[in-house]
Amino acid sequence: MSLSRAPINCDSGKQRGTRHISGVRQSVRNALYMATLSARTWNPTIRALAQRLSATGKPFKVVMTACMRGAENNTAAAPQPT
């Protein structure tokens, strides 16, 4: 389930541009971004993912997008209170 990270391509003919996340759910994306920023410090799973991606030379926003996906998947997989 992708709440707010649908990639928008910048392609034209043979030219292949970078992907950007933007669209209709900016408020959800902003909240998820801020939560991920905190999770990079305090959540060991997200922190390990961010360190691994940063060590391979990924740009900051790519690392944050991947961590947002990880945080979103961790939230969806968490047991729901009854």
Protein backbone atom coordinates (compact mmCIF):
# COMPACT_ATOMS: atom_id res chain seq x y z
CA MET A 1 0.00 0.00 0.00
CA SER A 2 1.52 3.31 -1.07
CA LEU A 3 -0.02 6.26 0.71
CA SER A 4 1.94 9.08 -0.82
CA ARG A 5 5.00 7.90 -2.66
CA ALA A 6 3.76 7.38 -6.22
CA PRO A 7 6.74 8.23 -8.45
CA ILE A 8 6.22 10.80 -11.20
CA ASN A 9 8.57 10.29 -14.14
CA CYS A 10 10.21 13.01 -16.23
CA ASP A 11 10.65 11.06 -19.47
CA SER A 12 10.42 12.34 -23.01
CA GLY A 13 11.25 10.18 -26.01
CA LYS A 14 14.61 8.51 -25.38
CA GLN A 15 15.48 10.90 -22.56
CA ARG A 16 14.98 9.38 -19.13
CA GLY A 17 14.78 11.84 -16.25
CA THR A 18 14.70 11.40 -12.51
CA ARG A 19 11.63 10.25 -10.60
CA HIS A 20 9.96 12.55 -8.11
CA ILE A 21 7.39 11.86 -5.45
CA SER A 22 4.59 14.37 -5.58
CA GLY A 23 0.88 14.37 -5.97
CA VAL A 24 -2.40 14.66 -4.20
CA ARG A 25 -1.55 13.47 -0.68
CA GLN A 26 1.01 16.06 0.34
CA SER A 27 -0.23 16.31 3.93
CA VAL A 28 0.18 12.54 4.40
CA ARG A 29 3.62 12.66 2.78
CA ASN A 30 4.70 15.56 5.03
CA ALA A 31 3.58 13.73 8.18
CA LEU A 32 5.29 10.52 7.06
CA TYR A 33 8.48 12.45 6.24
CA MET A 34 8.65 14.01 9.71
CA ALA A 35 7.94 10.66 11.38
CA THR A 36 10.67 9.05 9.27
CA LEU A 37 13.12 11.78 10.19
CA SER A 38 12.62 10.86 13.84
CA ALA A 39 12.61 7.11 13.09
CA ARG A 40 16.05 7.40 11.46
CA THR A 41 17.38 8.28 14.91
CA TRP A 42 15.31 6.08 17.21
CA ASN A 43 14.07 3.03 15.25
CA PRO A 44 16.88 0.45 14.90
CA THR A 45 15.40 -1.09 11.73
CA ILE A 46 14.99 2.23 9.93
CA ARG A 47 18.38 3.45 11.21
CA ALA A 48 20.12 0.35 9.81
CA LEU A 49 18.39 0.80 6.46
CA ALA A 50 19.39 4.47 6.29
CA GLN A 51 23.01 3.73 7.21
CA ARG A 52 23.24 0.94 4.65
CA LEU A 53 21.85 3.11 1.85
CA SER A 54 23.99 6.12 2.82
CA ALA A 55 27.10 3.92 2.84
CA THR A 56 26.42 2.94 -0.77
CA GLY A 57 26.30 6.61 -1.78
CA LYS A 58 22.57 7.12 -2.23
CA PRO A 59 21.36 10.75 -2.11
CA PHE A 60 19.61 11.91 1.08
CA LYS A 61 16.15 12.13 -0.47
CA VAL A 62 16.43 8.63 -1.95
CA VAL A 63 17.40 7.32 1.50
CA MET A 64 14.47 9.18 3.08
CA THR A 65 12.02 7.82 0.52
CA ALA A 66 13.22 4.27 1.13
CA CYS A 67 12.96 4.81 4.89
CA MET A 68 9.45 6.21 4.44
CA ARG A 69 8.50 3.02 2.65
CA GLY A 70 10.09 0.95 5.43
CA ALA A 71 8.26 2.91 8.11
CA GLU A 72 4.99 2.57 6.21
CA ASN A 73 5.46 -1.19 5.84
CA ASN A 74 6.39 -1.58 9.52
CA THR A 75 3.23 0.29 10.50
CA ALA A 76 1.05 -1.84 8.23
CA ALA A 77 2.59 -5.07 9.57
CA ALA A 78 2.24 -4.10 13.24
CA PRO A 79 -0.47 -5.94 15.17
CA GLN A 80 -3.62 -3.86 15.56
CA PRO A 81 -5.06 -3.35 19.04
CA THR A 82 -8.34 -5.16 19.66
